[in-house]
Amino acid sequence: MTLPAAKIGLGVFPLSPASLFALFISAYSMRMNMVDWRALPVPRLLWFNTGVLVLSTCRAAWAHMAARRNDMDHVIVGLCAGGASAVTFLAGQLLAWQQLSVRRVFRGVQPGQFLLLPDHRGRTGCI
């Protein structure tokens, strides 16, 4: 019995962002051990954004369950609510970026400390 190519592709596809996220964590933890490491201040808005991202994921899962029940009204509501949460998350990331930029936090900071991980979270929806 062989699996269809689409099922294999959908099974393998999530491995790409997951491995990229694992590499970010690995590189970040190695960079923290360097002598010149300075921790970035974390705006409280990032905690709110994490909650919004979790909410967006829950709404998408709710839409998925509604789709399995063939309940198209709830699918539309779930996808719209999840999309609105995702847009709210991205707007919050931009606002957090601006807050740190105004405080001149990025002077002498490696871009990977703040740029790549939020960008990865925004593009893939991974927490």
PDB file of N, CA and C in Angstrom:
ATOM      1  N   MET A   1       0.841  -1.169   0.000  1.00  0.00           N
ATOM      2  CA  MET A   1       0.000   0.000   0.000  1.00  0.00           C
ATOM      3  C   MET A   1       0.897   1.247   0.000  1.00  0.00           C
ATOM      4  N   THR A   2       0.700   2.092  -0.984  1.00  0.00           N
ATOM      5  CA  THR A   2       1.488   3.324  -1.068  1.00  0.00           C
ATOM      6  C   THR A   2       0.611   4.523  -0.768  1.00  0.00           C
ATOM      7  N   LEU A   3       1.233   5.507  -0.187  1.00  0.00           N
ATOM      8  CA  LEU A   3       0.523   6.748   0.134  1.00  0.00           C
ATOM      9  C   LEU A   3       0.538   7.682  -1.066  1.00  0.00           C
ATOM     10  N   PRO A   4      -0.512   8.468  -1.250  1.00  0.00           N
ATOM     11  CA  PRO A   4      -0.509   9.463  -2.324  1.00  0.00           C
ATOM     12  C   PRO A   4       0.570  10.518  -2.078  1.00  0.00           C
ATOM     13  N   ALA A   5       1.085  11.067  -3.155  1.00  0.00           N
ATOM     14  CA  ALA A   5       2.153  12.067  -3.058  1.00  0.00           C
ATOM     15  C   ALA A   5       1.704  13.287  -2.258  1.00  0.00           C
ATOM     16  N   ALA A   6       0.427  13.650  -2.359  1.00  0.00           N
ATOM     17  CA  ALA A   6      -0.067  14.822  -1.626  1.00  0.00           C
ATOM     18  C   ALA A   6       0.018  14.603  -0.117  1.00  0.00           C
ATOM     19  N   LYS A   7      -0.321  13.399   0.356  1.00  0.00           N
ATOM     20  CA  LYS A   7      -0.233  13.112   1.792  1.00  0.00           C
ATOM     21  C   LYS A   7       1.214  13.122   2.267  1.00  0.00           C
ATOM     22  N   ILE A   8       2.095  12.594   1.461  1.00  0.00           N
ATOM     23  CA  ILE A   8       3.514  12.602   1.821  1.00  0.00           C
ATOM     24  C   ILE A   8       4.029  14.038   1.866  1.00  0.00           C
ATOM     25  N   GLY A   9       3.651  14.826   0.871  1.00  0.00           N
ATOM     26  CA  GLY A   9       4.076  16.221   0.835  1.00  0.00           C
ATOM     27  C   GLY A   9       3.570  17.013   2.025  1.00  0.00           C
ATOM     28  N   LEU A  10       2.300  16.796   2.390  1.00  0.00           N
ATOM     29  CA  LEU A  10       1.745  17.501   3.546  1.00  0.00           C
ATOM     30  C   LEU A  10       2.365  17.026   4.853  1.00  0.00           C
ATOM     31  N   GLY A  11       2.868  15.811   4.867  1.00  0.00           N
ATOM     32  CA  GLY A  11       3.556  15.317   6.060  1.00  0.00           C
ATOM     33  C   GLY A  11       4.970  15.849   6.178  1.00  0.00           C
ATOM     34  N   VAL A  12       5.630  16.042   5.039  1.00  0.00           N
ATOM     35  CA  VAL A  12       7.023  16.497   5.033  1.00  0.00           C
ATOM     36  C   VAL A  12       7.105  18.023   5.119  1.00  0.00           C
ATOM     37  N   PHE A  13       6.144  18.725   4.552  1.00  0.00           N
ATOM     38  CA  PHE A  13       6.190  20.185   4.492  1.00  0.00           C
ATOM     39  C   PHE A  13       6.392  20.854   5.850  1.00  0.00           C
ATOM     40  N   PRO A  14       5.691  20.453   6.915  1.00  0.00           N
ATOM     41  CA  PRO A  14       5.901  21.123   8.213  1.00  0.00           C
ATOM     42  C   PRO A  14       7.301  20.919   8.789  1.00  0.00           C
ATOM     43  N   LEU A  15       8.032  19.942   8.292  1.00  0.00           N
ATOM     44  CA  LEU A  15       9.381  19.703   8.808  1.00  0.00           C
ATOM     45  C   LEU A  15      10.333  20.839   8.457  1.00  0.00           C
ATOM     46  N   SER A  16      10.099  21.513   7.348  1.00  0.00           N
ATOM     47  CA  SER A  16      10.983  22.604   6.936  1.00  0.00           C
ATOM     48  C   SER A  16      10.949  23.776   7.918  1.00  0.00           C
ATOM     49  N   PRO A  17       9.780  24.369   8.228  1.00  0.00           N
ATOM     50  CA  PRO A  17       9.799  25.448   9.220  1.00  0.00           C
ATOM     51  C   PRO A  17      10.173  24.956  10.611  1.00  0.00           C
ATOM     52  N   ALA A  18       9.836  23.716  10.937  1.00  0.00           N
ATOM     53  CA  ALA A  18      10.191  23.200  12.263  1.00  0.00           C
ATOM     54  C   ALA A  18      11.702  23.070  12.409  1.00  0.00           C
ATOM     55  N   SER A  19      12.377  22.580  11.374  1.00  0.00           N
ATOM     56  CA  SER A  19      13.833  22.462  11.449  1.00  0.00           C
ATOM     57  C   SER A  19      14.490  23.838  11.438  1.00  0.00           C
ATOM     58  N   LEU A  20      13.939  24.781  10.686  1.00  0.00           N
ATOM     59  CA  LEU A  20      14.471  26.136  10.683  1.00  0.00           C
ATOM     60  C   LEU A  20      14.332  26.763  12.068  1.00  0.00           C
ATOM     61  N   PHE A  21      13.187  26.556  12.708  1.00  0.00           N
ATOM     62  CA  PHE A  21      12.961  27.069  14.052  1.00  0.00           C
ATOM     63  C   PHE A  21      13.950  26.439  15.038  1.00  0.00           C
ATOM     64  N   ALA A  22      14.198  25.134  14.917  1.00  0.00           N
ATOM     65  CA  ALA A  22      15.171  24.457  15.786  1.00  0.00           C
ATOM     66  C   ALA A  22      16.575  25.014  15.567  1.00  0.00           C
ATOM     67  N   LEU A  23      16.914  25.312  14.326  1.00  0.00           N
ATOM     68  CA  LEU A  23      18.221  25.910  14.046  1.00  0.00           C
ATOM     69  C   LEU A  23      18.331  27.309  14.631  1.00  0.00           C
ATOM     70  N   PHE A  24      17.255  28.099  14.583  1.00  0.00           N
ATOM     71  CA  PHE A  24      17.257  29.423  15.212  1.00  0.00           C
ATOM     72  C   PHE A  24      17.521  29.300  16.712  1.00  0.00           C
ATOM     73  N   ILE A  25      16.831  28.382  17.349  1.00  0.00           N
ATOM     74  CA  ILE A  25      17.003  28.197  18.787  1.00  0.00           C
ATOM     75  C   ILE A  25      18.436  27.765  19.098  1.00  0.00           C
ATOM     76  N   SER A  26      18.967  26.860  18.298  1.00  0.00           N
ATOM     77  CA  SER A  26      20.335  26.396  18.503  1.00  0.00           C
ATOM     78  C   SER A  26      21.341  27.531  18.325  1.00  0.00           C
ATOM     79  N   ALA A  27      21.212  28.297  17.250  1.00  0.00           N
ATOM     80  CA  ALA A  27      22.130  29.413  17.001  1.00  0.00           C
ATOM     81  C   ALA A  27      21.998  30.475  18.082  1.00  0.00           C
ATOM     82  N   TYR A  28      20.779  30.748  18.512  1.00  0.00           N
ATOM     83  CA  TYR A  28      20.547  31.751  19.549  1.00  0.00           C
ATOM     84  C   TYR A  28      21.200  31.331  20.863  1.00  0.00           C
ATOM     85  N   SER A  29      21.026  30.056  21.228  1.00  0.00           N
ATOM     86  CA  SER A  29      21.609  29.588  22.489  1.00  0.00           C
ATOM     87  C   SER A  29      23.134  29.584  22.420  1.00  0.00           C
ATOM     88  N   MET A  30      23.708  29.265  21.256  1.00  0.00           N
ATOM     89  CA  MET A  30      25.163  29.323  21.121  1.00  0.00           C
ATOM     90  C   MET A  30      25.656  30.763  21.188  1.00  0.00           C
ATOM     91  N   ARG A  31      24.909  31.677  20.583  1.00  0.00           N
ATOM     92  CA  ARG A  31      25.309  33.088  20.580  1.00  0.00           C
ATOM     93  C   ARG A  31      25.251  33.673  21.990  1.00  0.00           C
ATOM     94  N   MET A  32      24.323  33.180  22.823  1.00  0.00           N
ATOM     95  CA  MET A  32      24.209  33.681  24.189  1.00  0.00           C
ATOM     96  C   MET A  32      25.459  33.387  25.013  1.00  0.00           C
ATOM     97  N   ASN A  33      26.224  32.375  24.633  1.00  0.00           N
ATOM     98  CA  ASN A  33      27.431  32.010  25.366  1.00  0.00           C
ATOM     99  C   ASN A  33      28.648  32.835  24.964  1.00  0.00           C
ATOM    100  N   MET A  34      28.516  33.711  23.979  1.00  0.00           N
ATOM    101  CA  MET A  34      29.632  34.545  23.548  1.00  0.00           C
ATOM    102  C   MET A  34      29.893  35.650  24.579  1.00  0.00           C
ATOM    103  N   VAL A  35      31.121  36.124  24.588  1.00  0.00           N
ATOM    104  CA  VAL A  35      31.539  37.125  25.565  1.00  0.00           C
ATOM    105  C   VAL A  35      30.815  38.453  25.369  1.00  0.00           C
ATOM    106  N   ASP A  36      30.575  38.848  24.128  1.00  0.00           N
ATOM    107  CA  ASP A  36      29.982  40.159  23.852  1.00  0.00           C
ATOM    108  C   ASP A  36      28.450  40.148  23.811  1.00  0.00           C
ATOM    109  N   TRP A  37      27.821  39.100  24.320  1.00  0.00           N
ATOM    110  CA  TRP A  37      26.371  38.977  24.282  1.00  0.00           C
ATOM    111  C   TRP A  37      25.711  39.994  25.205  1.00  0.00           C
ATOM    112  N   ARG A  38      24.698  40.669  24.677  1.00  0.00           N
ATOM    113  CA  ARG A  38      23.848  41.558  25.473  1.00  0.00           C
ATOM    114  C   ARG A  38      22.409  41.145  25.228  1.00  0.00           C
ATOM    115  N   ALA A  39      21.696  40.890  26.297  1.00  0.00           N
ATOM    116  CA  ALA A  39      20.293  40.491  26.157  1.00  0.00           C
ATOM    117  C   ALA A  39      19.457  41.696  25.740  1.00  0.00           C
ATOM    118  N   LEU A  40      18.522  41.460  24.846  1.00  0.00           N
ATOM    119  CA  LEU A  40      17.618  42.520  24.412  1.00  0.00           C
ATOM    120  C   LEU A  40      16.479  42.671  25.412  1.00  0.00           C
ATOM    121  N   PRO A  41      16.045  43.901  25.649  1.00  0.00           N
ATOM    122  CA  PRO A  41      14.854  44.064  26.492  1.00  0.00           C
ATOM    123  C   PRO A  41      13.625  43.539  25.738  1.00  0.00           C
ATOM    124  N   VAL A  42      12.737  42.928  26.469  1.00  0.00           N
ATOM    125  CA  VAL A  42      11.545  42.344  25.846  1.00  0.00           C
ATOM    126  C   VAL A  42      10.356  43.252  26.141  1.00  0.00           C
ATOM    127  N   PRO A  43       9.816  43.913  25.116  1.00  0.00           N
ATOM    128  CA  PRO A  43       8.621  44.731  25.347  1.00  0.00           C
ATOM    129  C   PRO A  43       7.443  43.849  25.772  1.00  0.00           C
ATOM    130  N   ARG A  44       6.611  44.369  26.637  1.00  0.00           N
ATOM    131  CA  ARG A  44       5.440  43.598  27.095  1.00  0.00           C
ATOM    132  C   ARG A  44       4.515  43.250  25.944  1.00  0.00           C
ATOM    133  N   LEU A  45       4.575  44.036  24.897  1.00  0.00           N
ATOM    134  CA  LEU A  45       3.732  43.788  23.727  1.00  0.00           C
ATOM    135  C   LEU A  45       4.019  42.412  23.115  1.00  0.00           C
ATOM    136  N   LEU A  46       5.246  41.927  23.249  1.00  0.00           N
ATOM    137  CA  LEU A  46       5.576  40.613  22.682  1.00  0.00           C
ATOM    138  C   LEU A  46       4.830  39.491  23.394  1.00  0.00           C
ATOM    139  N   TRP A  47       4.556  39.658  24.692  1.00  0.00           N
ATOM    140  CA  TRP A  47       3.752  38.654  25.396  1.00  0.00           C
ATOM    141  C   TRP A  47       2.309  38.677  24.892  1.00  0.00           C
ATOM    142  N   PHE A  48       1.786  39.874  24.671  1.00  0.00           N
ATOM    143  CA  PHE A  48       0.454  39.994  24.080  1.00  0.00           C
ATOM    144  C   PHE A  48       0.427  39.336  22.696  1.00  0.00           C
ATOM    145  N   ASN A  49       1.468  39.591  21.904  1.00  0.00           N
ATOM    146  CA  ASN A  49       1.543  39.015  20.557  1.00  0.00           C
ATOM    147  C   ASN A  49       1.588  37.496  20.597  1.00  0.00           C
ATOM    148  N   THR A  50       2.291  36.950  21.570  1.00  0.00           N
ATOM    149  CA  THR A  50       2.339  35.491  21.695  1.00  0.00           C
ATOM    150  C   THR A  50       0.944  34.951  21.982  1.00  0.00           C
ATOM    151  N   GLY A  51       0.208  35.621  22.837  1.00  0.00           N
ATOM    152  CA  GLY A  51      -1.175  35.212  23.107  1.00  0.00           C
ATOM    153  C   GLY A  51      -2.057  35.311  21.881  1.00  0.00           C
ATOM    154  N   VAL A  52      -1.875  36.372  21.094  1.00  0.00           N
ATOM    155  CA  VAL A  52      -2.650  36.534  19.861  1.00  0.00           C
ATOM    156  C   VAL A  52      -2.305  35.429  18.868  1.00  0.00           C
ATOM    157  N   LEU A  53      -1.035  35.051  18.814  1.00  0.00           N
ATOM    158  CA  LEU A  53      -0.621  33.977  17.909  1.00  0.00           C
ATOM    159  C   LEU A  53      -1.229  32.638  18.331  1.00  0.00           C
ATOM    160  N   VAL A  54      -1.265  32.376  19.629  1.00  0.00           N
ATOM    161  CA  VAL A  54      -1.911  31.155  20.131  1.00  0.00           C
ATOM    162  C   VAL A  54      -3.400  31.182  19.799  1.00  0.00           C
ATOM    163  N   LEU A  55      -4.037  32.337  19.997  1.00  0.00           N
ATOM    164  CA  LEU A  55      -5.453  32.484  19.672  1.00  0.00           C
ATOM    165  C   LEU A  55      -5.709  32.252  18.185  1.00  0.00           C
ATOM    166  N   SER A  56      -4.845  32.771  17.347  1.00  0.00           N
ATOM    167  CA  SER A  56      -4.978  32.574  15.913  1.00  0.00           C
ATOM    168  C   SER A  56      -4.877  31.095  15.549  1.00  0.00           C
ATOM    169  N   THR A  57      -3.939  30.405  16.180  1.00  0.00           N
ATOM    170  CA  THR A  57      -3.779  28.972  15.934  1.00  0.00           C
ATOM    171  C   THR A  57      -5.013  28.204  16.381  1.00  0.00           C
ATOM    172  N   CYS A  58      -5.571  28.574  17.542  1.00  0.00           N
ATOM    173  CA  CYS A  58      -6.782  27.900  18.034  1.00  0.00           C
ATOM    174  C   CYS A  58      -7.964  28.134  17.101  1.00  0.00           C
ATOM    175  N   ARG A  59      -8.068  29.357  16.592  1.00  0.00           N
ATOM    176  CA  ARG A  59      -9.169  29.648  15.674  1.00  0.00           C
ATOM    177  C   ARG A  59      -9.026  28.882  14.363  1.00  0.00           C
ATOM    178  N   ALA A  60      -7.818  28.734  13.888  1.00  0.00           N
ATOM    179  CA  ALA A  60      -7.590  27.947  12.668  1.00  0.00           C
ATOM    180  C   ALA A  60      -7.918  26.475  12.913  1.00  0.00           C
ATOM    181  N   ALA A  61      -7.550  25.959  14.090  1.00  0.00           N
ATOM    182  CA  ALA A  61      -7.877  24.570  14.427  1.00  0.00           C
ATOM    183  C   ALA A  61      -9.388  24.387  14.542  1.00  0.00           C
ATOM    184  N   TRP A  62     -10.061  25.389  15.087  1.00  0.00           N
ATOM    185  CA  TRP A  62     -11.515  25.338  15.196  1.00  0.00           C
ATOM    186  C   TRP A  62     -12.143  25.299  13.800  1.00  0.00           C
ATOM    187  N   ALA A  63     -11.605  26.094  12.882  1.00  0.00           N
ATOM    188  CA  ALA A  63     -12.109  26.086  11.501  1.00  0.00           C
ATOM    189  C   ALA A  63     -11.854  24.726  10.854  1.00  0.00           C
ATOM    190  N   HIS A  64     -10.710  24.126  11.164  1.00  0.00           N
ATOM    191  CA  HIS A  64     -10.394  22.801  10.611  1.00  0.00           C
ATOM    192  C   HIS A  64     -11.399  21.754  11.104  1.00  0.00           C
ATOM    193  N   MET A  65     -11.720  21.809  12.393  1.00  0.00           N
ATOM    194  CA  MET A  65     -12.699  20.860  12.937  1.00  0.00           C
ATOM    195  C   MET A  65     -14.082  21.090  12.316  1.00  0.00           C
ATOM    196  N   ALA A  66     -14.437  22.356  12.094  1.00  0.00           N
ATOM    197  CA  ALA A  66     -15.718  22.655  11.458  1.00  0.00           C
ATOM    198  C   ALA A  66     -15.740  22.139  10.021  1.00  0.00           C
ATOM    199  N   ALA A  67     -14.611  22.208   9.343  1.00  0.00           N
ATOM    200  CA  ALA A  67     -14.537  21.699   7.974  1.00  0.00           C
ATOM    201  C   ALA A  67     -14.730  20.185   7.940  1.00  0.00           C
ATOM    202  N   ARG A  68     -14.208  19.505   8.936  1.00  0.00           N
ATOM    203  CA  ARG A  68     -14.400  18.042   8.999  1.00  0.00           C
ATOM    204  C   ARG A  68     -15.859  17.675   9.223  1.00  0.00           C
ATOM    205  N   ARG A  69     -16.613  18.585   9.868  1.00  0.00           N
ATOM    206  CA  ARG A  69     -18.049  18.363  10.095  1.00  0.00           C
ATOM    207  C   ARG A  69     -18.888  18.902   8.940  1.00  0.00           C
ATOM    208  N   ASN A  70     -18.226  19.451   7.913  1.00  0.00           N
ATOM    209  CA  ASN A  70     -18.907  20.080   6.774  1.00  0.00           C
ATOM    210  C   ASN A  70     -19.794  21.246   7.214  1.00  0.00           C
ATOM    211  N   ASP A  71     -19.365  21.967   8.224  1.00  0.00           N
ATOM    212  CA  ASP A  71     -20.083  23.135   8.730  1.00  0.00           C
ATOM    213  C   ASP A  71     -19.412  24.387   8.163  1.00  0.00           C
ATOM    214  N   MET A  72     -19.792  24.756   6.943  1.00  0.00           N
ATOM    215  CA  MET A  72     -19.107  25.824   6.230  1.00  0.00           C
ATOM    216  C   MET A  72     -19.277  27.195   6.883  1.00  0.00           C
ATOM    217  N   ASP A  73     -20.385  27.427   7.579  1.00  0.00           N
ATOM    218  CA  ASP A  73     -20.558  28.711   8.258  1.00  0.00           C
ATOM    219  C   ASP A  73     -19.477  28.912   9.325  1.00  0.00           C
ATOM    220  N   HIS A  74     -19.228  27.862  10.110  1.00  0.00           N
ATOM    221  CA  HIS A  74     -18.197  27.962  11.143  1.00  0.00           C
ATOM    222  C   HIS A  74     -16.789  27.959  10.540  1.00  0.00           C
ATOM    223  N   VAL A  75     -16.611  27.327   9.405  1.00  0.00           N
ATOM    224  CA  VAL A  75     -15.308  27.369   8.725  1.00  0.00           C
ATOM    225  C   VAL A  75     -14.983  28.813   8.340  1.00  0.00           C
ATOM    226  N   ILE A  76     -15.944  29.488   7.745  1.00  0.00           N
ATOM    227  CA  ILE A  76     -15.723  30.880   7.317  1.00  0.00           C
ATOM    228  C   ILE A  76     -15.449  31.773   8.517  1.00  0.00           C
ATOM    229  N   VAL A  77     -16.245  31.599   9.580  1.00  0.00           N
ATOM    230  CA  VAL A  77     -16.039  32.412  10.790  1.00  0.00           C
ATOM    231  C   VAL A  77     -14.660  32.131  11.382  1.00  0.00           C
ATOM    232  N   GLY A  78     -14.279  30.855  11.472  1.00  0.00           N
ATOM    233  CA  GLY A  78     -12.983  30.490  12.045  1.00  0.00           C
ATOM    234  C   GLY A  78     -11.816  31.014  11.237  1.00  0.00           C
ATOM    235  N   LEU A  79     -11.919  30.899   9.908  1.00  0.00           N
ATOM    236  CA  LEU A  79     -10.831  31.396   9.064  1.00  0.00           C
ATOM    237  C   LEU A  79     -10.726  32.916   9.107  1.00  0.00           C
ATOM    238  N   CYS A  80     -11.859  33.595   9.117  1.00  0.00           N
ATOM    239  CA  CYS A  80     -11.816  35.065   9.212  1.00  0.00           C
ATOM    240  C   CYS A  80     -11.253  35.508  10.561  1.00  0.00           C
ATOM    241  N   ALA A  81     -11.682  34.847  11.630  1.00  0.00           N
ATOM    242  CA  ALA A  81     -11.181  35.200  12.969  1.00  0.00           C
ATOM    243  C   ALA A  81      -9.692  34.874  13.084  1.00  0.00           C
ATOM    244  N   GLY A  82      -9.284  33.728  12.554  1.00  0.00           N
ATOM    245  CA  GLY A  82      -7.862  33.385  12.576  1.00  0.00           C
ATOM    246  C   GLY A  82      -7.035  34.337  11.739  1.00  0.00           C
ATOM    247  N   GLY A  83      -7.554  34.731  10.588  1.00  0.00           N
ATOM    248  CA  GLY A  83      -6.846  35.697   9.739  1.00  0.00           C
ATOM    249  C   GLY A  83      -6.732  37.056  10.400  1.00  0.00           C
ATOM    250  N   ALA A  84      -7.812  37.483  11.066  1.00  0.00           N
ATOM    251  CA  ALA A  84      -7.772  38.768  11.773  1.00  0.00           C
ATOM    252  C   ALA A  84      -6.760  38.720  12.916  1.00  0.00           C
ATOM    253  N   SER A  85      -6.690  37.588  13.609  1.00  0.00           N
ATOM    254  CA  SER A  85      -5.702  37.444  14.678  1.00  0.00           C
ATOM    255  C   SER A  85      -4.288  37.452  14.119  1.00  0.00           C
ATOM    256  N   ALA A  86      -4.089  36.832  12.972  1.00  0.00           N
ATOM    257  CA  ALA A  86      -2.762  36.810  12.363  1.00  0.00           C
ATOM    258  C   ALA A  86      -2.327  38.211  11.947  1.00  0.00           C
ATOM    259  N   VAL A  87      -3.260  38.982  11.386  1.00  0.00           N
ATOM    260  CA  VAL A  87      -2.942  40.364  11.001  1.00  0.00           C
ATOM    261  C   VAL A  87      -2.647  41.195  12.255  1.00  0.00           C
ATOM    262  N   THR A  88      -3.409  40.970  13.333  1.00  0.00           N
ATOM    263  CA  THR A  88      -3.151  41.658  14.595  1.00  0.00           C
ATOM    264  C   THR A  88      -1.762  41.315  15.121  1.00  0.00           C
ATOM    265  N   PHE A  89      -1.377  40.047  15.002  1.00  0.00           N
ATOM    266  CA  PHE A  89      -0.038  39.622  15.430  1.00  0.00           C
ATOM    267  C   PHE A  89       1.047  40.355  14.646  1.00  0.00           C
ATOM    268  N   LEU A  90       0.904  40.407  13.334  1.00  0.00           N
ATOM    269  CA  LEU A  90       1.915  41.071  12.512  1.00  0.00           C
ATOM    270  C   LEU A  90       1.985  42.567  12.806  1.00  0.00           C
ATOM    271  N   ALA A  91       0.835  43.196  13.028  1.00  0.00           N
ATOM    272  CA  ALA A  91       0.830  44.614  13.387  1.00  0.00           C
ATOM    273  C   ALA A  91       1.504  44.820  14.746  1.00  0.00           C
ATOM    274  N   GLY A  92       1.276  43.908  15.668  1.00  0.00           N
ATOM    275  CA  GLY A  92       1.930  43.988  16.976  1.00  0.00           C
ATOM    276  C   GLY A  92       3.433  43.814  16.874  1.00  0.00           C
ATOM    277  N   GLN A  93       3.882  42.931  15.987  1.00  0.00           N
ATOM    278  CA  GLN A  93       5.328  42.755  15.785  1.00  0.00           C
ATOM    279  C   GLN A  93       5.945  44.045  15.250  1.00  0.00           C
ATOM    280  N   LEU A  94       5.266  44.687  14.314  1.00  0.00           N
ATOM    281  CA  LEU A  94       5.775  45.956  13.788  1.00  0.00           C
ATOM    282  C   LEU A  94       5.823  47.020  14.877  1.00  0.00           C
ATOM    283  N   LEU A  95       4.795  47.060  15.714  1.00  0.00           N
ATOM    284  CA  LEU A  95       4.769  48.031  16.797  1.00  0.00           C
ATOM    285  C   LEU A  95       5.888  47.765  17.810  1.00  0.00           C
ATOM    286  N   ALA A  96       6.128  46.498  18.128  1.00  0.00           N
ATOM    287  CA  ALA A  96       7.224  46.151  19.043  1.00  0.00           C
ATOM    288  C   ALA A  96       8.566  46.545  18.443  1.00  0.00           C
ATOM    289  N   TRP A  97       8.719  46.328  17.138  1.00  0.00           N
ATOM    290  CA  TRP A  97       9.942  46.724  16.433  1.00  0.00           C
ATOM    291  C   TRP A  97      10.153  48.238  16.557  1.00  0.00           C
ATOM    292  N   GLN A  98       9.083  48.990  16.354  1.00  0.00           N
ATOM    293  CA  GLN A  98       9.178  50.450  16.455  1.00  0.00           C
ATOM    294  C   GLN A  98       9.508  50.889  17.875  1.00  0.00           C
ATOM    295  N   GLN A  99       8.925  50.240  18.865  1.00  0.00           N
ATOM    296  CA  GLN A  99       9.222  50.584  20.256  1.00  0.00           C
ATOM    297  C   GLN A  99      10.702  50.381  20.567  1.00  0.00           C
ATOM    298  N   LEU A 100      11.251  49.260  20.121  1.00  0.00           N
ATOM    299  CA  LEU A 100      12.670  49.002  20.364  1.00  0.00           C
ATOM    300  C   LEU A 100      13.551  49.939  19.550  1.00  0.00           C
ATOM    301  N   SER A 101      13.112  50.280  18.364  1.00  0.00           N
ATOM    302  CA  SER A 101      13.883  51.181  17.517  1.00  0.00           C
ATOM    303  C   SER A 101      13.940  52.582  18.120  1.00  0.00           C
ATOM    304  N   VAL A 102      12.828  53.053  18.675  1.00  0.00           N
ATOM    305  CA  VAL A 102      12.782  54.371  19.310  1.00  0.00           C
ATOM    306  C   VAL A 102      13.713  54.403  20.521  1.00  0.00           C
ATOM    307  N   ARG A 103      13.791  53.289  21.232  1.00  0.00           N
ATOM    308  CA  ARG A 103      14.677  53.205  22.397  1.00  0.00           C
ATOM    309  C   ARG A 103      16.136  52.957  22.001  1.00  0.00           C
ATOM    310  N   ARG A 104      16.397  52.925  20.689  1.00  0.00           N
ATOM    311  CA  ARG A 104      17.747  52.728  20.143  1.00  0.00           C
ATOM    312  C   ARG A 104      18.396  51.435  20.642  1.00  0.00           C
ATOM    313  N   VAL A 105      17.597  50.398  20.747  1.00  0.00           N
ATOM    314  CA  VAL A 105      18.095  49.114  21.219  1.00  0.00           C
ATOM    315  C   VAL A 105      18.988  48.451  20.182  1.00  0.00           C
ATOM    316  N   PHE A 106      18.768  48.751  18.907  1.00  0.00           N
ATOM    317  CA  PHE A 106      19.458  48.031  17.848  1.00  0.00           C
ATOM    318  C   PHE A 106      20.833  48.574  17.516  1.00  0.00           C
ATOM    319  N   ARG A 107      21.305  49.558  18.221  1.00  0.00           N
ATOM    320  CA  ARG A 107      22.634  50.093  17.968  1.00  0.00           C
ATOM    321  C   ARG A 107      23.669  49.044  18.375  1.00  0.00           C
ATOM    322  N   GLY A 108      24.409  48.530  17.410  1.00  0.00           N
ATOM    323  CA  GLY A 108      25.450  47.539  17.680  1.00  0.00           C
ATOM    324  C   GLY A 108      24.939  46.136  17.919  1.00  0.00           C
ATOM    325  N   VAL A 109      23.706  45.861  17.538  1.00  0.00           N
ATOM    326  CA  VAL A 109      23.112  44.541  17.760  1.00  0.00           C
ATOM    327  C   VAL A 109      23.118  43.765  16.453  1.00  0.00           C
ATOM    328  N   GLN A 110      23.386  42.487  16.540  1.00  0.00           N
ATOM    329  CA  GLN A 110      23.314  41.630  15.368  1.00  0.00           C
ATOM    330  C   GLN A 110      21.856  41.501  14.943  1.00  0.00           C
ATOM    331  N   PRO A 111      21.562  41.619  13.644  1.00  0.00           N
ATOM    332  CA  PRO A 111      20.165  41.577  13.207  1.00  0.00           C
ATOM    333  C   PRO A 111      19.452  40.279  13.551  1.00  0.00           C
ATOM    334  N   GLY A 112      20.160  39.187  13.621  1.00  0.00           N
ATOM    335  CA  GLY A 112      19.523  37.906  13.896  1.00  0.00           C
ATOM    336  C   GLY A 112      18.926  37.807  15.274  1.00  0.00           C
ATOM    337  N   GLN A 113      19.332  38.707  16.177  1.00  0.00           N
ATOM    338  CA  GLN A 113      18.799  38.629  17.524  1.00  0.00           C
ATOM    339  C   GLN A 113      17.316  38.969  17.577  1.00  0.00           C
ATOM    340  N   PHE A 114      16.843  39.810  16.691  1.00  0.00           N
ATOM    341  CA  PHE A 114      15.431  40.184  16.761  1.00  0.00           C
ATOM    342  C   PHE A 114      14.703  40.040  15.439  1.00  0.00           C
ATOM    343  N   LEU A 115      15.411  40.157  14.338  1.00  0.00           N
ATOM    344  CA  LEU A 115      14.742  40.190  13.040  1.00  0.00           C
ATOM    345  C   LEU A 115      14.239  38.838  12.577  1.00  0.00           C
ATOM    346  N   LEU A 116      15.068  37.817  12.621  1.00  0.00           N
ATOM    347  CA  LEU A 116      14.737  36.556  11.979  1.00  0.00           C
ATOM    348  C   LEU A 116      13.639  35.785  12.689  1.00  0.00           C
ATOM    349  N   LEU A 117      13.709  35.693  13.998  1.00  0.00           N
ATOM    350  CA  LEU A 117      12.736  34.877  14.706  1.00  0.00           C
ATOM    351  C   LEU A 117      11.313  35.421  14.591  1.00  0.00           C
ATOM    352  N   PRO A 118      11.059  36.722  14.815  1.00  0.00           N
ATOM    353  CA  PRO A 118       9.686  37.206  14.622  1.00  0.00           C
ATOM    354  C   PRO A 118       9.230  37.070  13.180  1.00  0.00           C
ATOM    355  N   ASP A 119      10.140  37.251  12.238  1.00  0.00           N
ATOM    356  CA  ASP A 119       9.783  37.091  10.832  1.00  0.00           C
ATOM    357  C   ASP A 119       9.378  35.652  10.570  1.00  0.00           C
ATOM    358  N   HIS A 120      10.128  34.713  11.131  1.00  0.00           N
ATOM    359  CA  HIS A 120       9.811  33.292  10.974  1.00  0.00           C
ATOM    360  C   HIS A 120       8.462  32.977  11.611  1.00  0.00           C
ATOM    361  N   ARG A 121       8.210  33.529  12.795  1.00  0.00           N
ATOM    362  CA  ARG A 121       6.931  33.299  13.459  1.00  0.00           C
ATOM    363  C   ARG A 121       5.784  33.851  12.623  1.00  0.00           C
ATOM    364  N   GLY A 122       6.000  35.031  12.045  1.00  0.00           N
ATOM    365  CA  GLY A 122       4.943  35.653  11.258  1.00  0.00           C
ATOM    366  C   GLY A 122       4.645  34.918   9.972  1.00  0.00           C
ATOM    367  N   ARG A 123       5.679  34.379   9.349  1.00  0.00           N
ATOM    368  CA  ARG A 123       5.482  33.695   8.072  1.00  0.00           C
ATOM    369  C   ARG A 123       4.906  32.292   8.231  1.00  0.00           C
ATOM    370  N   THR A 124       5.282  31.589   9.310  1.00  0.00           N
ATOM    371  CA  THR A 124       4.860  30.206   9.439  1.00  0.00           C
ATOM    372  C   THR A 124       3.754  30.005  10.444  1.00  0.00           C
ATOM    373  N   GLY A 125       3.545  30.979  11.324  1.00  0.00           N
ATOM    374  CA  GLY A 125       2.527  30.806  12.364  1.00  0.00           C
ATOM    375  C   GLY A 125       3.002  29.939  13.509  1.00  0.00           C
ATOM    376  N   CYS A 126       4.307  29.661  13.574  1.00  0.00           N
ATOM    377  CA  CYS A 126       4.846  28.849  14.660  1.00  0.00           C
ATOM    378  C   CYS A 126       5.057  29.718  15.882  1.00  0.00           C
ATOM    379  N   ILE A 127       4.804  29.146  17.006  1.00  0.00           N
ATOM    380  CA  ILE A 127       5.006  29.888  18.250  1.00  0.00           C
ATOM    381  C   ILE A 127       6.452  29.807  18.641  1.00  0.00           C
TER     382      ILE A 127
END
